[in-house]
């Protein structure tokens, strides 16, 4: 059960990172006067989610998973999760506003 909970949280935090990356990329390509603040907020969200993923591996004592995650070999699980469809970039950008 613990692995299921940790995998669910890992999935959640990696989804949050992908959403933040989408916002950052969209606003970097579609610049306006609000872009800096929006990109800054998305970057804060990305950092917070990444810190949580690292903390999960530290708490679980999963040194191998953490090492793979840090080096980008996987997102830290033994099996890559399938992410649901990420909202298209415009939809995510509208949510941020």
Protein backbone atom coordinates (compact mmCIF):
# COMPACT_ATOMS: atom_id res chain seq x y z
CA UNK A 1 0.00 0.00 0.00
CA UNK A 2 2.85 2.38 0.80
CA UNK A 3 4.28 1.97 -2.72
CA UNK A 4 0.89 2.74 -4.24
CA UNK A 5 0.58 5.95 -2.22
CA UNK A 6 4.12 7.03 -3.04
CA UNK A 7 3.61 6.28 -6.74
CA UNK A 8 0.36 8.28 -6.76
CA UNK A 9 2.09 11.27 -5.16
CA UNK A 10 5.04 10.92 -7.52
CA UNK A 11 2.64 10.91 -10.47
CA UNK A 12 0.86 14.02 -9.11
CA UNK A 13 4.08 15.97 -8.63
CA UNK A 14 5.46 15.03 -12.04
CA UNK A 15 2.17 16.14 -13.61
CA UNK A 16 2.51 19.47 -11.79
CA UNK A 17 6.03 19.83 -13.20
CA UNK A 18 4.81 19.14 -16.75
CA UNK A 19 2.03 21.70 -16.36
CA UNK A 20 4.52 24.30 -15.11
CA UNK A 21 6.84 23.55 -18.04
CA UNK A 22 3.94 24.03 -20.47
CA UNK A 23 3.10 27.41 -18.94
CA UNK A 24 6.74 28.52 -19.00
CA UNK A 25 7.21 27.48 -22.62
CA UNK A 26 3.96 29.09 -23.74
CA UNK A 27 4.64 32.43 -22.07
CA UNK A 28 8.26 32.45 -23.21
CA UNK A 29 7.00 32.09 -26.80
CA UNK A 30 3.98 34.42 -26.45
CA UNK A 31 5.46 37.31 -24.57
CA UNK A 32 3.40 40.09 -22.96
CA UNK A 33 3.86 42.41 -19.98
CA UNK A 34 2.54 39.80 -17.51
CA UNK A 35 4.79 37.00 -18.75
CA UNK A 36 7.61 37.49 -16.23
CA UNK A 37 5.31 37.16 -13.24
CA UNK A 38 3.48 34.18 -14.71
CA UNK A 39 6.73 32.42 -15.63
CA UNK A 40 8.10 33.15 -12.15
CA UNK A 41 5.01 31.62 -10.53
CA UNK A 42 5.18 28.56 -12.79
CA UNK A 43 8.86 28.14 -11.96
CA UNK A 44 8.03 28.26 -8.23
CA UNK A 45 5.42 25.53 -8.85
CA UNK A 46 7.95 23.42 -10.76
CA UNK A 47 10.56 23.75 -8.01
CA UNK A 48 8.05 22.90 -5.28
CA UNK A 49 6.87 19.79 -7.14
CA UNK A 50 10.44 18.67 -7.85
CA UNK A 51 11.40 19.12 -4.18
CA UNK A 52 8.41 16.97 -3.19
CA UNK A 53 9.44 14.17 -5.56
CA UNK A 54 12.96 14.18 -4.11
CA UNK A 55 11.54 14.18 -0.56
CA UNK A 56 9.38 11.13 -1.36
CA UNK A 57 12.44 9.12 -2.34
CA UNK A 58 14.38 10.29 0.69
CA UNK A 59 11.53 9.38 3.05
CA UNK A 60 11.05 5.98 1.40
CA UNK A 61 14.80 5.34 1.45
CA UNK A 62 14.74 4.65 -2.30
CA UNK A 63 18.29 5.69 -3.15
CA UNK A 64 18.22 3.89 -6.51
CA UNK A 65 14.96 5.58 -7.55
CA UNK A 66 16.24 8.97 -6.41
CA UNK A 67 19.50 8.53 -8.33
CA UNK A 68 17.63 7.56 -11.50
CA UNK A 69 15.26 10.50 -11.04
CA UNK A 70 18.09 13.00 -10.54
CA UNK A 71 19.94 11.75 -13.62
CA UNK A 72 16.74 11.74 -15.69
CA UNK A 73 16.78 8.02 -16.37
CA UNK A 74 13.17 7.66 -15.19
CA UNK A 75 10.83 9.67 -13.07
CA UNK A 76 11.96 7.50 -10.16
CA UNK A 77 9.58 4.58 -10.44
CA UNK A 78 10.50 1.18 -11.71
CA UNK A 79 7.91 1.56 -14.46
CA UNK A 80 7.29 4.80 -16.32
CA UNK A 81 3.73 6.00 -15.64
CA UNK A 82 1.54 6.99 -18.50
CA UNK A 83 0.60 10.61 -18.06
CA UNK A 84 -2.96 11.58 -18.93
CA UNK A 85 -3.40 14.06 -21.70
CA UNK A 86 -1.88 17.34 -20.61
CA UNK A 87 -4.18 20.22 -21.40
CA UNK A 88 -3.19 22.06 -24.50
CA UNK A 89 -0.92 25.02 -23.87
CA UNK A 90 -3.59 27.68 -24.37
CA UNK A 91 -5.92 26.03 -21.87
CA UNK A 92 -3.17 25.86 -19.24
CA UNK A 93 -2.19 29.47 -19.90
CA UNK A 94 -5.79 30.58 -19.43
CA UNK A 95 -5.97 28.74 -16.10
CA UNK A 96 -2.92 30.57 -14.81
CA UNK A 97 -4.50 33.94 -15.46
